[in-house]
C-alpha cells in the first residue's frame, strides 16, 4: 500500500473530554489552527457553516469485529456494515462534521455542533456550499432516525 501522509492543521479545544453519544448540537468548540495555516481563515467569516475533517485519534478499528455491528452497540438497532453508519471506529479514523460557525478569529474558528473531543487533530476545514453539500431529498433507513434522536 502507498502512504498518504496527512498532517494536522490544528486541534480542537472542546469542553468534551471523552466520547459521548448525544448532545453534540449544543457543544461550542474552538478549532485552533497552527500558525502556518492561520492565513487560510481569511474570508471564512462570510459563511454560516463549515465542514470540519478530523482525525479520530482515540478510535480503534478491529476488522474482525468492526466491519458489521449494531450502531452504538444498541440491541434495538439492526446489525449493519461500518459504511452504513457514522461510528468513530472505522478502517480510517476520519471524522466529518458540518458545523455552524459562531465566530472566526485570527487564529481559530468557534463552532457549534462539532462532534470531536478536546485535543482532536483537525485535518481540513471547508466552507459549507449548498450547491456542493446539500442533498434535497435524502433517504435513510428508519432506524437512523431513532438512532439520531437527541444526538444534535
Protein backbone atom coordinates (compact mmCIF):
# COMPACT_ATOMS: atom_id res chain seq x y z
CA UNK A 1 0.00 0.00 0.00
CA UNK A 2 1.07 3.55 -0.60
CA UNK A 3 1.43 6.02 2.22
CA UNK A 4 -0.84 9.03 2.14
CA UNK A 5 0.69 11.41 4.64
CA UNK A 6 -1.53 13.91 6.37
CA UNK A 7 -0.58 16.46 8.97
CA UNK A 8 -2.91 18.30 11.32
CA UNK A 9 -3.63 21.92 10.54
CA UNK A 10 -4.81 22.46 14.11
CA UNK A 11 -6.56 20.95 17.10
CA UNK A 12 -9.97 21.02 18.73
CA UNK A 13 -10.50 22.79 22.05
CA UNK A 14 -13.72 21.41 23.46
CA UNK A 15 -15.38 21.09 26.85
CA UNK A 16 -16.00 17.44 25.93
CA UNK A 17 -13.04 15.29 27.02
CA UNK A 18 -14.45 11.82 26.27
CA UNK A 19 -16.70 10.46 23.52
CA UNK A 20 -20.42 10.91 24.14
CA UNK A 21 -23.36 9.51 22.17
CA UNK A 22 -25.68 12.50 22.13
CA UNK A 23 -25.98 16.21 22.79
CA UNK A 24 -23.30 17.34 20.33
CA UNK A 25 -25.54 20.03 18.86
CA UNK A 26 -25.15 22.18 21.98
CA UNK A 27 -21.36 21.87 22.17
CA UNK A 28 -19.39 25.03 21.42
CA UNK A 29 -15.82 24.18 20.45
CA UNK A 30 -12.87 26.05 19.08
CA UNK A 31 -10.72 24.85 16.18
CA UNK A 32 -7.29 26.39 16.79
CA UNK A 33 -5.07 26.40 13.73
CA UNK A 34 -1.32 26.02 13.83
CA UNK A 35 0.42 29.29 12.90
CA UNK A 36 1.34 28.39 9.30
CA UNK A 37 -2.33 27.67 8.46
CA UNK A 38 -3.98 30.69 10.11
CA UNK A 39 -3.95 32.89 6.96
CA UNK A 40 -6.23 30.27 5.40
CA UNK A 41 -9.11 31.52 7.57
CA UNK A 42 -9.38 34.73 5.56
CA UNK A 43 -12.85 35.01 4.02
CA UNK A 44 -14.41 32.23 6.10
CA UNK A 45 -16.31 34.85 8.14
CA UNK A 46 -18.72 35.24 5.21
CA UNK A 47 -20.01 31.67 5.66
CA UNK A 48 -22.52 30.47 8.23
CA UNK A 49 -21.34 26.85 8.21
CA UNK A 50 -18.24 24.79 7.53
CA UNK A 51 -17.29 21.15 7.19
CA UNK A 52 -14.52 20.09 9.55
CA UNK A 53 -12.42 16.99 8.82
CA UNK A 54 -10.74 15.46 11.85
CA UNK A 55 -8.51 12.54 12.73
CA UNK A 56 -10.30 10.50 15.38
CA UNK A 57 -7.12 9.86 17.34
CA UNK A 58 -8.70 7.74 20.07
CA UNK A 59 -10.68 5.50 17.73
CA UNK A 60 -9.68 1.86 17.39
CA UNK A 61 -10.74 -0.34 14.49
CA UNK A 62 -10.75 -4.12 14.71
CA UNK A 63 -11.61 -5.60 11.29
CA UNK A 64 -12.53 -8.92 12.93
CA UNK A 65 -15.41 -7.29 14.79
CA UNK A 66 -15.80 -3.80 13.37
CA UNK A 67 -16.99 -4.33 9.81
CA UNK A 68 -20.51 -5.17 10.96
CA UNK A 69 -22.05 -4.10 14.24
CA UNK A 70 -25.11 -2.62 15.85
CA UNK A 71 -24.89 1.19 15.91
CA UNK A 72 -23.70 2.34 19.37
CA UNK A 73 -23.95 -1.32 20.41
CA UNK A 74 -27.70 -0.90 20.95
CA UNK A 75 -29.66 -4.16 20.85
CA UNK A 76 -32.66 -2.45 19.21
CA UNK A 77 -30.56 -1.37 16.23
CA UNK A 78 -30.01 -3.66 13.22
CA UNK A 79 -26.59 -5.13 12.57
CA UNK A 80 -25.18 -3.15 9.64
CA UNK A 81 -21.82 -2.60 7.99
CA UNK A 82 -19.45 0.15 9.10
CA UNK A 83 -20.05 2.03 5.83
CA UNK A 84 -23.78 2.24 6.65
CA UNK A 85 -23.14 4.13 9.89
CA UNK A 86 -21.15 7.03 11.31
CA UNK A 87 -19.27 5.18 14.06
CA UNK A 88 -15.88 6.52 15.14
CA UNK A 89 -14.09 3.15 14.95
CA UNK A 90 -13.51 2.91 11.18
CA UNK A 91 -10.89 1.50 8.78
CA UNK A 92 -9.55 5.08 8.51
CA UNK A 93 -10.32 7.23 11.54
CA UNK A 94 -11.58 10.26 9.66
CA UNK A 95 -14.38 12.38 11.10
CA UNK A 96 -16.51 14.77 9.02
CA UNK A 97 -18.93 17.20 10.62
CA UNK A 98 -20.97 20.07 9.24
CA UNK A 99 -20.86 22.80 11.90
CA UNK A 100 -22.32 26.25 12.47
CA UNK A 101 -19.67 28.97 12.55
CA UNK A 102 -20.11 31.09 15.68
CA UNK A 103 -17.04 33.27 15.19
CA UNK A 104 -13.94 33.46 13.02
CA UNK A 105 -10.86 34.71 14.84
CA UNK A 106 -7.35 35.37 13.55
CA UNK A 107 -6.10 32.02 14.89
CA UNK A 108 -9.22 29.89 15.13
CA UNK A 109 -12.90 29.37 14.48
CA UNK A 110 -15.53 28.90 17.16
CA UNK A 111 -18.16 26.38 16.06
CA UNK A 112 -21.33 24.70 17.29
CA UNK A 113 -22.01 21.02 16.81
CA UNK A 114 -18.51 19.61 16.22
CA UNK A 115 -18.58 16.01 17.42
CA UNK A 116 -14.91 15.80 18.31
CA UNK A 117 -13.35 15.63 21.75
CA UNK A 118 -10.79 18.00 23.19
CA UNK A 119 -7.38 17.57 21.55
CA UNK A 120 -8.67 16.01 18.33
CA UNK A 121 -6.38 16.79 15.37
CA UNK A 122 -8.04 18.78 12.58
CA UNK A 123 -7.12 17.80 9.01
CA UNK A 124 -9.11 20.34 6.99
CA UNK A 125 -11.84 22.96 7.06
CA UNK A 126 -14.08 23.63 4.08
CA UNK A 127 -16.88 26.15 3.77
CA UNK A 128 -20.33 24.66 3.54
CA UNK A 129 -21.53 25.37 0.00
CA UNK A 130 -25.15 24.36 -0.62
CA UNK A 131 -24.57 23.72 -4.32
CA UNK A 132 -21.98 21.05 -3.38
CA UNK A 133 -23.06 19.85 0.01
CA UNK A 134 -26.86 19.83 0.19
CA UNK A 135 -28.93 16.86 -0.87
CA UNK A 136 -32.54 17.90 -1.44
CA UNK A 137 -34.38 14.68 -0.57
CA UNK A 138 -32.03 12.17 1.04
CA UNK A 139 -33.25 8.71 2.02
CA UNK A 140 -32.20 6.98 5.24
CA UNK A 141 -33.47 3.81 6.90
CA UNK A 142 -35.98 4.26 9.72
CA UNK A 143 -33.51 3.02 12.35
CA UNK A 144 -31.24 6.00 11.62
CA UNK A 145 -33.97 8.41 12.72
CA UNK A 146 -34.29 6.50 16.01
CA UNK A 147 -30.52 6.42 16.47
CA UNK A 148 -30.04 10.14 15.87
CA UNK A 149 -32.86 11.32 18.15
CA UNK A 150 -31.17 13.66 20.63
CA UNK A 151 -27.72 13.42 19.01
CA UNK A 152 -27.69 17.04 17.83
